[in-house]
C-alpha atoms as a PDB file:
ATOM      1  CA  UNK A   1     154.510 137.164  70.543  1.00  0.00           C
ATOM      2  CA  UNK A   2     151.334 135.880  68.935  1.00  0.00           C
ATOM      3  CA  UNK A   3     147.825 136.553  70.092  1.00  0.00           C
ATOM      4  CA  UNK A   4     145.445 133.618  70.110  1.00  0.00           C
ATOM      5  CA  UNK A   5     141.932 134.697  69.297  1.00  0.00           C
ATOM      6  CA  UNK A   6     139.150 132.805  70.955  1.00  0.00           C
ATOM      7  CA  UNK A   7     136.019 132.031  68.986  1.00  0.00           C
ATOM      8  CA  UNK A   8     133.248 134.591  69.348  1.00  0.00           C
ATOM      9  CA  UNK A   9     130.939 134.096  72.279  1.00  0.00           C
ATOM     10  CA  UNK A  10     127.264 134.847  72.445  1.00  0.00           C
ATOM     11  CA  UNK A  11     128.084 137.722  74.802  1.00  0.00           C
ATOM     12  CA  UNK A  12     130.461 139.132  72.160  1.00  0.00           C
ATOM     13  CA  UNK A  13     127.733 138.958  69.554  1.00  0.00           C
ATOM     14  CA  UNK A  14     125.175 140.585  71.861  1.00  0.00           C
ATOM     15  CA  UNK A  15     127.675 143.346  72.674  1.00  0.00           C
ATOM     16  CA  UNK A  16     128.247 143.947  68.948  1.00  0.00           C
ATOM     17  CA  UNK A  17     124.493 144.117  68.405  1.00  0.00           C
ATOM     18  CA  UNK A  18     124.022 146.669  71.165  1.00  0.00           C
ATOM     19  CA  UNK A  19     127.022 148.733  70.047  1.00  0.00           C
ATOM     20  CA  UNK A  20     125.529 148.995  66.566  1.00  0.00           C
ATOM     21  CA  UNK A  21     122.520 150.907  67.978  1.00  0.00           C
ATOM     22  CA  UNK A  22     120.041 148.471  66.421  1.00  0.00           C
ATOM     23  CA  UNK A  23     116.446 149.115  65.528  1.00  0.00           C
ATOM     24  CA  UNK A  24     113.725 147.240  67.371  1.00  0.00           C
ATOM     25  CA  UNK A  25     113.373 144.949  64.348  1.00  0.00           C
ATOM     26  CA  UNK A  26     117.097 144.156  64.339  1.00  0.00           C
ATOM     27  CA  UNK A  27     116.919 143.222  68.013  1.00  0.00           C
ATOM     28  CA  UNK A  28     113.889 141.008  67.492  1.00  0.00           C
ATOM     29  CA  UNK A  29     115.462 139.188  64.545  1.00  0.00           C
ATOM     30  CA  UNK A  30     118.867 138.720  66.205  1.00  0.00           C
ATOM     31  CA  UNK A  31     120.174 135.161  66.063  1.00  0.00           C
ATOM     32  CA  UNK A  32     123.573 133.898  67.182  1.00  0.00           C
ATOM     33  CA  UNK A  33     126.038 133.064  64.423  1.00  0.00           C
ATOM     34  CA  UNK A  34     126.231 129.508  63.131  1.00  0.00           C
ATOM     35  CA  UNK A  35     129.605 129.167  64.863  1.00  0.00           C
ATOM     36  CA  UNK A  36     128.157 130.127  68.257  1.00  0.00           C
ATOM     37  CA  UNK A  37     125.126 127.888  67.771  1.00  0.00           C
ATOM     38  CA  UNK A  38     127.353 124.944  66.847  1.00  0.00           C
ATOM     39  CA  UNK A  39     129.561 125.478  69.903  1.00  0.00           C
ATOM     40  CA  UNK A  40     126.510 125.581  72.189  1.00  0.00           C
ATOM     41  CA  UNK A  41     125.126 122.384  70.606  1.00  0.00           C
ATOM     42  CA  UNK A  42     128.488 120.683  71.049  1.00  0.00           C
ATOM     43  CA  UNK A  43     128.647 121.645  74.714  1.00  0.00           C
ATOM     44  CA  UNK A  44     125.082 120.449  75.299  1.00  0.00           C
ATOM     45  CA  UNK A  45     125.781 117.128  73.578  1.00  0.00           C
ATOM     46  CA  UNK A  46     128.897 116.635  75.643  1.00  0.00           C
ATOM     47  CA  UNK A  47     127.025 117.572  78.826  1.00  0.00           C
ATOM     48  CA  UNK A  48     124.615 114.712  78.139  1.00  0.00           C
ATOM     49  CA  UNK A  49     127.604 112.363  77.959  1.00  0.00           C
ATOM     50  CA  UNK A  50     129.163 113.814  81.132  1.00  0.00           C
ATOM     51  CA  UNK A  51     132.293 114.799  79.258  1.00  0.00           C
ATOM     52  CA  UNK A  52     132.589 118.524  79.983  1.00  0.00           C
ATOM     53  CA  UNK A  53     135.572 120.048  81.726  1.00  0.00           C
ATOM     54  CA  UNK A  54     134.990 122.577  84.484  1.00  0.00           C
ATOM     55  CA  UNK A  55     135.856 125.402  82.058  1.00  0.00           C
ATOM     56  CA  UNK A  56     133.386 124.077  79.501  1.00  0.00           C
ATOM     57  CA  UNK A  57     130.669 123.890  82.153  1.00  0.00           C
ATOM     58  CA  UNK A  58     131.329 127.550  82.907  1.00  0.00           C
ATOM     59  CA  UNK A  59     131.193 128.363  79.197  1.00  0.00           C
ATOM     60  CA  UNK A  60     127.842 126.592  78.894  1.00  0.00           C
ATOM     61  CA  UNK A  61     126.564 128.544  81.911  1.00  0.00           C
ATOM     62  CA  UNK A  62     127.591 131.747  80.128  1.00  0.00           C
ATOM     63  CA  UNK A  63     125.651 130.707  77.030  1.00  0.00           C
ATOM     64  CA  UNK A  64     122.590 130.140  79.206  1.00  0.00           C
ATOM     65  CA  UNK A  65     122.973 133.552  80.864  1.00  0.00           C
ATOM     66  CA  UNK A  66     123.437 135.266  77.492  1.00  0.00           C
ATOM     67  CA  UNK A  67     120.362 133.510  76.101  1.00  0.00           C
ATOM     68  CA  UNK A  68     118.307 134.690  79.082  1.00  0.00           C
ATOM     69  CA  UNK A  69     119.570 138.241  78.555  1.00  0.00           C
ATOM     70  CA  UNK A  70     118.634 138.365  74.885  1.00  0.00           C
ATOM     71  CA  UNK A  71     115.195 136.851  75.604  1.00  0.00           C
ATOM     72  CA  UNK A  72     114.596 139.517  78.246  1.00  0.00           C
ATOM     73  CA  UNK A  73     115.700 142.297  75.900  1.00  0.00           C
ATOM     74  CA  UNK A  74     113.447 140.976  73.135  1.00  0.00           C
ATOM     75  CA  UNK A  75     110.486 140.789  75.537  1.00  0.00           C
ATOM     76  CA  UNK A  76     111.080 144.392  76.634  1.00  0.00           C
ATOM     77  CA  UNK A  77     111.278 145.540  72.998  1.00  0.00           C
ATOM     78  CA  UNK A  78     107.980 143.831  72.229  1.00  0.00           C
ATOM     79  CA  UNK A  79     106.319 145.469  75.257  1.00  0.00           C
ATOM     80  CA  UNK A  80     107.650 148.924  74.408  1.00  0.00           C
ATOM     81  CA  UNK A  81     106.723 148.675  70.724  1.00  0.00           C
ATOM     82  CA  UNK A  82     103.326 147.025  71.089  1.00  0.00           C
ATOM     83  CA  UNK A  83     101.961 144.124  69.082  1.00  0.00           C
END
């Protein structure tokens, strides 16, 4: 029986960041991997052409939710650590 690994998601990368007990600077400089960024760009391009499956629409929604989460976390870090 083989296990098929799915590509990393933005949520996976955020979870890894949090699990690593990052410094404020590491949180503020966090960027998704090139692979995750490319997947998001691909989904957005395909959305513009109306060629997304239902599952891909859900995946794109998850990217949007993850992006909102990391923006919120970064904003909170900036507030707590001052200018």
